[in-house]
PDB file of N, CA and C in Angstrom:
ATOM      1  N   UNK A   1     -19.103  19.760   8.134  1.00  0.00           N
ATOM      2  CA  UNK A   1     -18.635  19.111   9.055  1.00  0.00           C
ATOM      3  C   UNK A   1     -17.290  18.086   8.363  1.00  0.00           C
ATOM      4  N   UNK A   2     -16.816  17.619   9.802  1.00  0.00           N
ATOM      5  CA  UNK A   2     -15.453  17.055   9.452  1.00  0.00           C
ATOM      6  C   UNK A   2     -15.706  15.363   9.392  1.00  0.00           C
ATOM      7  N   UNK A   3     -14.885  14.747   9.044  1.00  0.00           N
ATOM      8  CA  UNK A   3     -15.519  12.999   9.288  1.00  0.00           C
ATOM      9  C   UNK A   3     -14.203  12.323   9.013  1.00  0.00           C
ATOM     10  N   UNK A   4     -13.874  10.878   9.323  1.00  0.00           N
ATOM     11  CA  UNK A   4     -12.693  10.728   9.222  1.00  0.00           C
ATOM     12  C   UNK A   4     -13.119   9.004   8.712  1.00  0.00           C
ATOM     13  N   UNK A   5     -11.946   8.576   7.661  1.00  0.00           N
ATOM     14  CA  UNK A   5     -12.602   6.911   7.337  1.00  0.00           C
ATOM     15  C   UNK A   5     -11.804   5.938   8.124  1.00  0.00           C
ATOM     16  N   UNK A   6     -12.707   5.028   8.333  1.00  0.00           N
ATOM     17  CA  UNK A   6     -12.371   4.265   9.505  1.00  0.00           C
ATOM     18  C   UNK A   6     -12.655   2.532   8.774  1.00  0.00           C
ATOM     19  N   UNK A   7     -11.633   2.071   8.339  1.00  0.00           N
ATOM     20  CA  UNK A   7     -11.903   0.616   7.616  1.00  0.00           C
ATOM     21  C   UNK A   7     -11.743  -0.295   8.469  1.00  0.00           C
ATOM     22  N   UNK A   8     -12.353  -1.399   7.923  1.00  0.00           N
ATOM     23  CA  UNK A   8     -12.699  -2.809   8.541  1.00  0.00           C
ATOM     24  C   UNK A   8     -11.434  -3.448   8.851  1.00  0.00           C
ATOM     25  N   UNK A   9     -10.524  -2.686   8.290  1.00  0.00           N
ATOM     26  CA  UNK A   9      -9.242  -3.906   8.810  1.00  0.00           C
ATOM     27  C   UNK A   9      -8.518  -3.197  10.043  1.00  0.00           C
ATOM     28  N   UNK A  10      -9.475  -2.017  10.709  1.00  0.00           N
ATOM     29  CA  UNK A  10      -8.490  -1.941  11.918  1.00  0.00           C
ATOM     30  C   UNK A  10      -8.749  -2.919  13.090  1.00  0.00           C
ATOM     31  N   UNK A  11     -10.037  -3.769  13.128  1.00  0.00           N
ATOM     32  CA  UNK A  11     -10.323  -4.695  14.096  1.00  0.00           C
ATOM     33  C   UNK A  11      -9.370  -5.347  14.024  1.00  0.00           C
ATOM     34  N   UNK A  12      -8.778  -6.294  12.929  1.00  0.00           N
ATOM     35  CA  UNK A  12      -7.464  -7.170  13.563  1.00  0.00           C
ATOM     36  C   UNK A  12      -5.965  -6.923  12.977  1.00  0.00           C
ATOM     37  N   UNK A  13      -5.720  -5.383  12.769  1.00  0.00           N
ATOM     38  CA  UNK A  13      -4.904  -4.744  11.873  1.00  0.00           C
ATOM     39  C   UNK A  13      -3.697  -5.288  13.102  1.00  0.00           C
ATOM     40  N   UNK A  14      -2.464  -5.480  12.531  1.00  0.00           N
ATOM     41  CA  UNK A  14      -0.966  -5.575  13.257  1.00  0.00           C
ATOM     42  C   UNK A  14      -0.694  -4.332  14.150  1.00  0.00           C
ATOM     43  N   UNK A  15      -1.302  -3.061  14.181  1.00  0.00           N
ATOM     44  CA  UNK A  15      -0.892  -2.126  14.622  1.00  0.00           C
ATOM     45  C   UNK A  15      -2.076  -2.416  16.044  1.00  0.00           C
ATOM     46  N   UNK A  16      -3.233  -2.679  16.027  1.00  0.00           N
ATOM     47  CA  UNK A  16      -4.296  -3.004  16.960  1.00  0.00           C
ATOM     48  C   UNK A  16      -3.873  -3.900  17.725  1.00  0.00           C
ATOM     49  N   UNK A  17      -3.343  -5.008  16.933  1.00  0.00           N
ATOM     50  CA  UNK A  17      -2.957  -6.387  18.174  1.00  0.00           C
ATOM     51  C   UNK A  17      -1.742  -6.096  18.847  1.00  0.00           C
ATOM     52  N   UNK A  18      -0.786  -4.982  18.542  1.00  0.00           N
ATOM     53  CA  UNK A  18       0.562  -4.630  18.940  1.00  0.00           C
ATOM     54  C   UNK A  18       0.065  -3.672  20.352  1.00  0.00           C
ATOM     55  N   UNK A  19      -1.179  -2.749  20.415  1.00  0.00           N
ATOM     56  CA  UNK A  19      -1.538  -2.092  21.364  1.00  0.00           C
ATOM     57  C   UNK A  19      -2.235  -2.528  22.309  1.00  0.00           C
ATOM     58  N   UNK A  20      -3.103  -4.136  21.759  1.00  0.00           N
ATOM     59  CA  UNK A  20      -4.272  -4.679  22.686  1.00  0.00           C
ATOM     60  C   UNK A  20      -2.892  -5.359  23.790  1.00  0.00           C
ATOM     61  N   UNK A  21      -2.048  -5.861  22.629  1.00  0.00           N
ATOM     62  CA  UNK A  21      -0.938  -6.658  23.772  1.00  0.00           C
ATOM     63  C   UNK A  21      -0.277  -5.555  25.013  1.00  0.00           C
ATOM     64  N   UNK A  22       0.234  -4.946  24.181  1.00  0.00           N
ATOM     65  CA  UNK A  22       0.804  -3.818  25.410  1.00  0.00           C
ATOM     66  C   UNK A  22       0.275  -3.121  26.145  1.00  0.00           C
ATOM     67  N   UNK A  23      -1.201  -2.809  25.948  1.00  0.00           N
ATOM     68  CA  UNK A  23      -2.217  -2.485  27.564  1.00  0.00           C
ATOM     69  C   UNK A  23      -2.578  -3.516  27.929  1.00  0.00           C
ATOM     70  N   UNK A  24      -3.208  -4.690  27.366  1.00  0.00           N
ATOM     71  CA  UNK A  24      -3.750  -5.665  27.940  1.00  0.00           C
ATOM     72  C   UNK A  24      -5.460  -5.505  28.188  1.00  0.00           C
ATOM     73  N   UNK A  25      -5.642  -4.737  26.904  1.00  0.00           N
ATOM     74  CA  UNK A  25      -6.748  -4.404  26.826  1.00  0.00           C
ATOM     75  C   UNK A  25      -7.601  -5.172  25.398  1.00  0.00           C
ATOM     76  N   UNK A  26      -9.076  -4.969  25.968  1.00  0.00           N
ATOM     77  CA  UNK A  26      -9.988  -5.942  24.452  1.00  0.00           C
ATOM     78  C   UNK A  26      -9.740  -4.871  23.082  1.00  0.00           C
ATOM     79  N   UNK A  27      -9.781  -5.479  22.168  1.00  0.00           N
ATOM     80  CA  UNK A  27      -9.788  -4.666  20.915  1.00  0.00           C
ATOM     81  C   UNK A  27     -10.547  -3.888  20.605  1.00  0.00           C
ATOM     82  N   UNK A  28     -12.010  -3.843  20.649  1.00  0.00           N
ATOM     83  CA  UNK A  28     -13.429  -3.254  20.405  1.00  0.00           C
ATOM     84  C   UNK A  28     -13.048  -2.025  21.710  1.00  0.00           C
ATOM     85  N   UNK A  29     -12.422  -2.192  22.486  1.00  0.00           N
ATOM     86  CA  UNK A  29     -12.089  -1.001  23.457  1.00  0.00           C
ATOM     87  C   UNK A  29     -11.193   0.028  22.943  1.00  0.00           C
ATOM     88  N   UNK A  30      -9.910  -0.430  22.062  1.00  0.00           N
ATOM     89  CA  UNK A  30      -9.127   0.131  22.069  1.00  0.00           C
ATOM     90  C   UNK A  30      -9.195   1.143  20.703  1.00  0.00           C
ATOM     91  N   UNK A  31     -10.188   0.153  19.684  1.00  0.00           N
ATOM     92  CA  UNK A  31     -11.314   1.246  18.482  1.00  0.00           C
ATOM     93  C   UNK A  31     -11.669   2.096  19.194  1.00  0.00           C
ATOM     94  N   UNK A  32     -12.364   1.824  20.298  1.00  0.00           N
ATOM     95  CA  UNK A  32     -13.205   2.844  20.923  1.00  0.00           C
ATOM     96  C   UNK A  32     -12.604   4.485  21.572  1.00  0.00           C
ATOM     97  N   UNK A  33     -11.427   3.610  21.849  1.00  0.00           N
ATOM     98  CA  UNK A  33     -10.171   5.031  22.174  1.00  0.00           C
ATOM     99  C   UNK A  33      -9.573   5.812  20.972  1.00  0.00           C
ATOM    100  N   UNK A  34      -9.534   5.004  19.983  1.00  0.00           N
ATOM    101  CA  UNK A  34      -8.708   5.562  18.943  1.00  0.00           C
ATOM    102  C   UNK A  34      -9.839   6.715  18.220  1.00  0.00           C
ATOM    103  N   UNK A  35     -10.958   6.125  18.167  1.00  0.00           N
ATOM    104  CA  UNK A  35     -11.841   6.991  17.453  1.00  0.00           C
ATOM    105  C   UNK A  35     -12.165   8.335  18.560  1.00  0.00           C
ATOM    106  N   UNK A  36     -12.663   7.732  19.458  1.00  0.00           N
ATOM    107  CA  UNK A  36     -12.550   9.477  20.475  1.00  0.00           C
ATOM    108  C   UNK A  36     -11.205  10.354  20.400  1.00  0.00           C
ATOM    109  N   UNK A  37      -9.847   9.839  20.413  1.00  0.00           N
ATOM    110  CA  UNK A  37      -8.883  10.740  19.546  1.00  0.00           C
ATOM    111  C   UNK A  37      -8.865  10.956  18.506  1.00  0.00           C
ATOM    112  N   UNK A  38      -9.711  10.858  17.729  1.00  0.00           N
ATOM    113  CA  UNK A  38      -9.554  11.188  16.106  1.00  0.00           C
ATOM    114  C   UNK A  38     -10.681  11.789  15.731  1.00  0.00           C
ATOM    115  N   UNK A  39     -11.961  11.701  16.544  1.00  0.00           N
ATOM    116  CA  UNK A  39     -13.014  12.893  16.117  1.00  0.00           C
ATOM    117  C   UNK A  39     -12.996  13.925  16.983  1.00  0.00           C
ATOM    118  N   UNK A  40     -11.965  13.854  18.358  1.00  0.00           N
ATOM    119  CA  UNK A  40     -11.330  14.606  19.134  1.00  0.00           C
ATOM    120  C   UNK A  40     -10.183  15.929  18.044  1.00  0.00           C
ATOM    121  N   UNK A  41      -9.517  14.854  17.175  1.00  0.00           N
ATOM    122  CA  UNK A  41      -8.645  15.598  16.975  1.00  0.00           C
ATOM    123  C   UNK A  41      -8.962  16.523  15.652  1.00  0.00           C
ATOM    124  N   UNK A  42      -9.934  15.712  14.698  1.00  0.00           N
ATOM    125  CA  UNK A  42     -10.650  16.514  13.983  1.00  0.00           C
ATOM    126  C   UNK A  42     -11.426  18.397  14.076  1.00  0.00           C
ATOM    127  N   UNK A  43     -11.096  18.352  15.625  1.00  0.00           N
ATOM    128  CA  UNK A  43     -11.569  20.027  15.894  1.00  0.00           C
ATOM    129  C   UNK A  43     -10.374  20.391  16.512  1.00  0.00           C
ATOM    130  N   UNK A  44      -9.032  20.245  16.670  1.00  0.00           N
ATOM    131  CA  UNK A  44      -8.110  20.633  17.334  1.00  0.00           C
ATOM    132  C   UNK A  44      -6.593  20.206  17.090  1.00  0.00           C
ATOM    133  N   UNK A  45      -6.640  19.374  16.031  1.00  0.00           N
ATOM    134  CA  UNK A  45      -5.450  19.129  15.429  1.00  0.00           C
ATOM    135  C   UNK A  45      -5.227  19.951  13.835  1.00  0.00           C
ATOM    136  N   UNK A  46      -3.807  19.762  13.404  1.00  0.00           N
ATOM    137  CA  UNK A  46      -4.074  20.698  12.393  1.00  0.00           C
ATOM    138  C   UNK A  46      -3.987  19.978  10.882  1.00  0.00           C
ATOM    139  N   UNK A  47      -4.260  19.784   9.952  1.00  0.00           N
ATOM    140  CA  UNK A  47      -4.355  18.670   8.978  1.00  0.00           C
ATOM    141  C   UNK A  47      -3.175  18.112   9.145  1.00  0.00           C
ATOM    142  N   UNK A  48      -2.367  18.161   9.193  1.00  0.00           N
ATOM    143  CA  UNK A  48      -0.846  17.503   8.959  1.00  0.00           C
ATOM    144  C   UNK A  48      -0.541  16.561  10.340  1.00  0.00           C
ATOM    145  N   UNK A  49      -1.831  16.503  11.560  1.00  0.00           N
ATOM    146  CA  UNK A  49      -1.977  15.443  12.295  1.00  0.00           C
ATOM    147  C   UNK A  49      -0.304  16.071  13.348  1.00  0.00           C
ATOM    148  N   UNK A  50      -0.522  17.403  13.264  1.00  0.00           N
ATOM    149  CA  UNK A  50       0.699  17.516  14.474  1.00  0.00           C
ATOM    150  C   UNK A  50       0.126  17.800  16.005  1.00  0.00           C
ATOM    151  N   UNK A  51       0.724  17.271  16.674  1.00  0.00           N
ATOM    152  CA  UNK A  51       0.335  17.149  17.994  1.00  0.00           C
ATOM    153  C   UNK A  51       0.607  18.122  18.704  1.00  0.00           C
ATOM    154  N   UNK A  52       1.847  19.002  18.632  1.00  0.00           N
ATOM    155  CA  UNK A  52       2.209  19.866  19.102  1.00  0.00           C
ATOM    156  C   UNK A  52       2.757  19.682  20.452  1.00  0.00           C
ATOM    157  N   UNK A  53       2.457  20.774  21.103  1.00  0.00           N
ATOM    158  CA  UNK A  53       3.035  20.595  22.857  1.00  0.00           C
ATOM    159  C   UNK A  53       2.403  19.855  23.567  1.00  0.00           C
ATOM    160  N   UNK A  54       0.736  19.059  23.155  1.00  0.00           N
ATOM    161  CA  UNK A  54       0.281  18.351  23.574  1.00  0.00           C
ATOM    162  C   UNK A  54       0.823  17.510  25.124  1.00  0.00           C
ATOM    163  N   UNK A  55       0.647  17.346  25.569  1.00  0.00           N
ATOM    164  CA  UNK A  55       1.235  16.263  26.902  1.00  0.00           C
ATOM    165  C   UNK A  55       0.825  14.647  26.414  1.00  0.00           C
ATOM    166  N   UNK A  56       0.949  13.633  27.018  1.00  0.00           N
ATOM    167  CA  UNK A  56       0.781  12.404  27.119  1.00  0.00           C
ATOM    168  C   UNK A  56      -0.835  12.529  28.212  1.00  0.00           C
ATOM    169  N   UNK A  57      -1.254  13.392  29.171  1.00  0.00           N
ATOM    170  CA  UNK A  57      -2.405  13.304  29.585  1.00  0.00           C
ATOM    171  C   UNK A  57      -2.998  13.568  29.038  1.00  0.00           C
ATOM    172  N   UNK A  58      -3.102  14.623  27.942  1.00  0.00           N
ATOM    173  CA  UNK A  58      -4.126  15.965  27.302  1.00  0.00           C
ATOM    174  C   UNK A  58      -4.144  14.737  25.891  1.00  0.00           C
ATOM    175  N   UNK A  59      -3.632  13.899  25.387  1.00  0.00           N
ATOM    176  CA  UNK A  59      -3.517  12.612  24.384  1.00  0.00           C
ATOM    177  C   UNK A  59      -4.625  11.712  24.988  1.00  0.00           C
ATOM    178  N   UNK A  60      -4.087  11.392  26.183  1.00  0.00           N
ATOM    179  CA  UNK A  60      -4.629  10.459  26.459  1.00  0.00           C
ATOM    180  C   UNK A  60      -6.291  10.768  26.979  1.00  0.00           C
ATOM    181  N   UNK A  61      -6.927  11.760  27.735  1.00  0.00           N
ATOM    182  CA  UNK A  61      -7.577  12.734  27.703  1.00  0.00           C
ATOM    183  C   UNK A  61      -8.787  12.936  26.654  1.00  0.00           C
ATOM    184  N   UNK A  62      -8.064  13.074  25.461  1.00  0.00           N
ATOM    185  CA  UNK A  62      -8.848  13.454  24.308  1.00  0.00           C
ATOM    186  C   UNK A  62      -9.394  12.183  23.834  1.00  0.00           C
ATOM    187  N   UNK A  63      -8.836  10.628  24.381  1.00  0.00           N
ATOM    188  CA  UNK A  63      -9.048   9.609  23.603  1.00  0.00           C
ATOM    189  C   UNK A  63      -9.969   8.805  24.613  1.00  0.00           C
ATOM    190  N   UNK A  64     -10.077   9.278  25.610  1.00  0.00           N
ATOM    191  CA  UNK A  64     -11.200   9.135  27.250  1.00  0.00           C
ATOM    192  C   UNK A  64     -10.313   7.521  27.396  1.00  0.00           C
ATOM    193  N   UNK A  65      -9.315   8.174  27.392  1.00  0.00           N
ATOM    194  CA  UNK A  65      -8.402   6.931  28.423  1.00  0.00           C
ATOM    195  C   UNK A  65      -8.329   7.066  29.724  1.00  0.00           C
ATOM    196  N   UNK A  66      -8.835   6.188  30.680  1.00  0.00           N
ATOM    197  CA  UNK A  66      -8.655   7.088  31.929  1.00  0.00           C
ATOM    198  C   UNK A  66      -7.742   6.028  32.960  1.00  0.00           C
ATOM    199  N   UNK A  67      -6.529   4.880  31.876  1.00  0.00           N
ATOM    200  CA  UNK A  67      -5.530   4.378  32.642  1.00  0.00           C
ATOM    201  C   UNK A  67      -4.410   5.462  32.991  1.00  0.00           C
ATOM    202  N   UNK A  68      -2.983   4.325  32.524  1.00  0.00           N
ATOM    203  CA  UNK A  68      -1.662   5.445  32.763  1.00  0.00           C
ATOM    204  C   UNK A  68      -1.779   5.930  31.002  1.00  0.00           C
ATOM    205  N   UNK A  69      -1.520   7.571  31.316  1.00  0.00           N
ATOM    206  CA  UNK A  69      -1.441   8.458  29.962  1.00  0.00           C
ATOM    207  C   UNK A  69      -0.577   8.022  29.281  1.00  0.00           C
ATOM    208  N   UNK A  70       0.709   8.300  29.925  1.00  0.00           N
ATOM    209  CA  UNK A  70       2.522   7.722  29.266  1.00  0.00           C
ATOM    210  C   UNK A  70       2.360   6.270  28.684  1.00  0.00           C
ATOM    211  N   UNK A  71       1.443   5.154  29.028  1.00  0.00           N
ATOM    212  CA  UNK A  71       1.605   4.354  28.452  1.00  0.00           C
ATOM    213  C   UNK A  71       0.660   3.667  27.827  1.00  0.00           C
ATOM    214  N   UNK A  72      -0.532   4.426  27.561  1.00  0.00           N
ATOM    215  CA  UNK A  72      -1.736   4.648  26.397  1.00  0.00           C
ATOM    216  C   UNK A  72      -0.517   5.578  25.511  1.00  0.00           C
ATOM    217  N   UNK A  73       0.193   6.199  25.152  1.00  0.00           N
ATOM    218  CA  UNK A  73       0.559   7.410  24.169  1.00  0.00           C
ATOM    219  C   UNK A  73       1.923   6.268  24.135  1.00  0.00           C
ATOM    220  N   UNK A  74       2.348   5.932  24.773  1.00  0.00           N
ATOM    221  CA  UNK A  74       3.677   5.070  24.370  1.00  0.00           C
ATOM    222  C   UNK A  74       3.293   3.746  23.514  1.00  0.00           C
ATOM    223  N   UNK A  75       2.421   3.224  23.827  1.00  0.00           N
ATOM    224  CA  UNK A  75       1.544   2.037  22.965  1.00  0.00           C
ATOM    225  C   UNK A  75       1.406   2.484  21.663  1.00  0.00           C
ATOM    226  N   UNK A  76       0.594   3.280  21.391  1.00  0.00           N
ATOM    227  CA  UNK A  76       0.140   4.097  20.274  1.00  0.00           C
ATOM    228  C   UNK A  76       1.302   4.243  19.108  1.00  0.00           C
ATOM    229  N   UNK A  77       2.498   4.809  20.228  1.00  0.00           N
ATOM    230  CA  UNK A  77       3.037   4.981  19.313  1.00  0.00           C
ATOM    231  C   UNK A  77       4.443   4.091  18.815  1.00  0.00           C
ATOM    232  N   UNK A  78       5.019   3.133  19.850  1.00  0.00           N
ATOM    233  CA  UNK A  78       5.372   2.203  19.409  1.00  0.00           C
ATOM    234  C   UNK A  78       4.498   1.337  18.238  1.00  0.00           C
ATOM    235  N   UNK A  79       3.100   1.205  18.224  1.00  0.00           N
ATOM    236  CA  UNK A  79       2.093   0.654  17.343  1.00  0.00           C
ATOM    237  C   UNK A  79       2.515   1.275  16.099  1.00  0.00           C
ATOM    238  N   UNK A  80       2.542   2.521  15.918  1.00  0.00           N
ATOM    239  CA  UNK A  80       2.401   3.267  14.753  1.00  0.00           C
ATOM    240  C   UNK A  80       1.732   4.337  14.256  1.00  0.00           C
ATOM    241  N   UNK A  81       0.282   4.160  15.634  1.00  0.00           N
ATOM    242  CA  UNK A  81      -0.765   5.408  15.190  1.00  0.00           C
ATOM    243  C   UNK A  81      -0.292   6.624  15.848  1.00  0.00           C
ATOM    244  N   UNK A  82       1.187   6.816  16.017  1.00  0.00           N
ATOM    245  CA  UNK A  82       1.469   8.155  16.458  1.00  0.00           C
ATOM    246  C   UNK A  82       2.513   7.893  15.700  1.00  0.00           C
ATOM    247  N   UNK A  83       3.417   8.894  15.265  1.00  0.00           N
ATOM    248  CA  UNK A  83       4.203   8.794  14.623  1.00  0.00           C
ATOM    249  C   UNK A  83       5.246  10.320  15.400  1.00  0.00           C
ATOM    250  N   UNK A  84       6.603   9.599  15.814  1.00  0.00           N
ATOM    251  CA  UNK A  84       7.534  10.672  16.310  1.00  0.00           C
ATOM    252  C   UNK A  84       9.020  11.159  15.452  1.00  0.00           C
ATOM    253  N   UNK A  85       8.410  12.300  15.225  1.00  0.00           N
ATOM    254  CA  UNK A  85       9.625  13.224  14.074  1.00  0.00           C
ATOM    255  C   UNK A  85      10.237  14.049  14.751  1.00  0.00           C
ATOM    256  N   UNK A  86      11.193  14.459  14.382  1.00  0.00           N
ATOM    257  CA  UNK A  86      12.106  15.549  14.684  1.00  0.00           C
ATOM    258  C   UNK A  86      11.576  16.649  15.362  1.00  0.00           C
ATOM    259  N   UNK A  87      10.376  17.037  14.597  1.00  0.00           N
ATOM    260  CA  UNK A  87       9.349  18.260  14.787  1.00  0.00           C
ATOM    261  C   UNK A  87       8.329  17.817  16.014  1.00  0.00           C
ATOM    262  N   UNK A  88       8.475  16.812  15.911  1.00  0.00           N
ATOM    263  CA  UNK A  88       7.704  16.585  17.342  1.00  0.00           C
ATOM    264  C   UNK A  88       6.517  15.171  16.986  1.00  0.00           C
ATOM    265  N   UNK A  89       5.428  15.130  17.201  1.00  0.00           N
ATOM    266  CA  UNK A  89       4.401  13.816  17.478  1.00  0.00           C
ATOM    267  C   UNK A  89       3.843  14.361  16.663  1.00  0.00           C
ATOM    268  N   UNK A  90       2.849  13.004  15.359  1.00  0.00           N
ATOM    269  CA  UNK A  90       1.950  13.776  15.026  1.00  0.00           C
ATOM    270  C   UNK A  90       0.895  12.611  15.052  1.00  0.00           C
ATOM    271  N   UNK A  91      -0.515  12.261  14.303  1.00  0.00           N
ATOM    272  CA  UNK A  91      -0.903  11.179  13.931  1.00  0.00           C
ATOM    273  C   UNK A  91      -0.848  10.869  13.194  1.00  0.00           C
ATOM    274  N   UNK A  92      -0.603   9.064  12.885  1.00  0.00           N
ATOM    275  CA  UNK A  92       0.028   8.735  11.627  1.00  0.00           C
ATOM    276  C   UNK A  92      -1.059   8.929  10.381  1.00  0.00           C
ATOM    277  N   UNK A  93      -0.161   9.305   9.518  1.00  0.00           N
ATOM    278  CA  UNK A  93      -1.077   9.531   7.883  1.00  0.00           C
ATOM    279  C   UNK A  93      -2.512  10.205   8.146  1.00  0.00           C
ATOM    280  N   UNK A  94      -2.578  11.376   8.992  1.00  0.00           N
ATOM    281  CA  UNK A  94      -3.469  11.969   9.553  1.00  0.00           C
ATOM    282  C   UNK A  94      -4.313  12.771   8.245  1.00  0.00           C
ATOM    283  N   UNK A  95      -3.485  13.328   7.305  1.00  0.00           N
ATOM    284  CA  UNK A  95      -3.699  13.879   6.071  1.00  0.00           C
ATOM    285  C   UNK A  95      -4.703  13.212   5.285  1.00  0.00           C
ATOM    286  N   UNK A  96      -4.115  12.006   5.464  1.00  0.00           N
ATOM    287  CA  UNK A  96      -4.827  10.539   4.288  1.00  0.00           C
ATOM    288  C   UNK A  96      -6.357  10.322   4.818  1.00  0.00           C
ATOM    289  N   UNK A  97      -6.661  10.433   6.420  1.00  0.00           N
ATOM    290  CA  UNK A  97      -7.587   9.852   7.044  1.00  0.00           C
ATOM    291  C   UNK A  97      -8.711  10.700   7.121  1.00  0.00           C
ATOM    292  N   UNK A  98      -8.386  11.526   7.802  1.00  0.00           N
ATOM    293  CA  UNK A  98      -9.039  13.077   8.078  1.00  0.00           C
ATOM    294  C   UNK A  98      -9.833  13.928   6.775  1.00  0.00           C
ATOM    295  N   UNK A  99     -10.998  14.434   6.784  1.00  0.00           N
ATOM    296  CA  UNK A  99     -11.916  15.153   5.740  1.00  0.00           C
ATOM    297  C   UNK A  99     -12.351  16.556   6.414  1.00  0.00           C
ATOM    298  N   UNK A 100     -11.781  17.296   5.733  1.00  0.00           N
ATOM    299  CA  UNK A 100     -12.713  18.715   6.392  1.00  0.00           C
ATOM    300  C   UNK A 100     -13.625  19.190   5.793  1.00  0.00           C
ATOM    301  N   UNK A 101     -14.495  19.832   6.239  1.00  0.00           N
ATOM    302  CA  UNK A 101     -16.111  20.407   5.282  1.00  0.00           C
ATOM    303  C   UNK A 101     -15.076  21.167   4.080  1.00  0.00           C
ATOM    304  N   UNK A 102     -14.123  21.989   4.349  1.00  0.00           N
ATOM    305  CA  UNK A 102     -13.498  22.792   3.358  1.00  0.00           C
ATOM    306  C   UNK A 102     -12.868  22.009   2.037  1.00  0.00           C
ATOM    307  N   UNK A 103     -12.380  21.153   2.741  1.00  0.00           N
ATOM    308  CA  UNK A 103     -11.772  19.714   1.474  1.00  0.00           C
ATOM    309  C   UNK A 103     -13.134  19.218   0.599  1.00  0.00           C
ATOM    310  N   UNK A 104     -13.594  19.249   1.453  1.00  0.00           N
ATOM    311  CA  UNK A 104     -15.050  17.915   1.089  1.00  0.00           C
ATOM    312  C   UNK A 104     -15.470  18.840   0.109  1.00  0.00           C
ATOM    313  N   UNK A 105     -15.864  19.798   0.026  1.00  0.00           N
ATOM    314  CA  UNK A 105     -16.544  21.327  -0.957  1.00  0.00           C
ATOM    315  C   UNK A 105     -15.854  20.954  -1.741  1.00  0.00           C
ATOM    316  N   UNK A 106     -14.657  21.596  -1.651  1.00  0.00           N
ATOM    317  CA  UNK A 106     -13.219  21.801  -3.038  1.00  0.00           C
ATOM    318  C   UNK A 106     -13.188  20.937  -3.700  1.00  0.00           C
ATOM    319  N   UNK A 107     -13.634  19.702  -3.544  1.00  0.00           N
ATOM    320  CA  UNK A 107     -13.264  18.258  -4.047  1.00  0.00           C
ATOM    321  C   UNK A 107     -14.901  18.285  -4.974  1.00  0.00           C
ATOM    322  N   UNK A 108     -15.904  18.840  -4.853  1.00  0.00           N
ATOM    323  CA  UNK A 108     -17.067  18.906  -5.775  1.00  0.00           C
ATOM    324  C   UNK A 108     -17.477  19.595  -6.708  1.00  0.00           C
TER     325      UNK A 108
END
């Protein structure tokens, strides 16, 4: 089983505040969408967080976002939940927050 860390600071974090303002949604709604994206990513994204050739629509669908997918992904990127690098888009610090079963067993 894989899992992610979810810190209490996410509720009032500056990144959360920025996305909430950009999308005009409630912070609890955003936290739900983020967790849907992260849970999906545990099964579908490599440990480095690379989003590969996923479109905005695919990323938004993974997060259960039913609004404008480009606006959603742009807001996550502007806020820093998604990093844009020369080699593509990545979930920010994914390797630090996602724990996969094989890593968990290796640590024991």
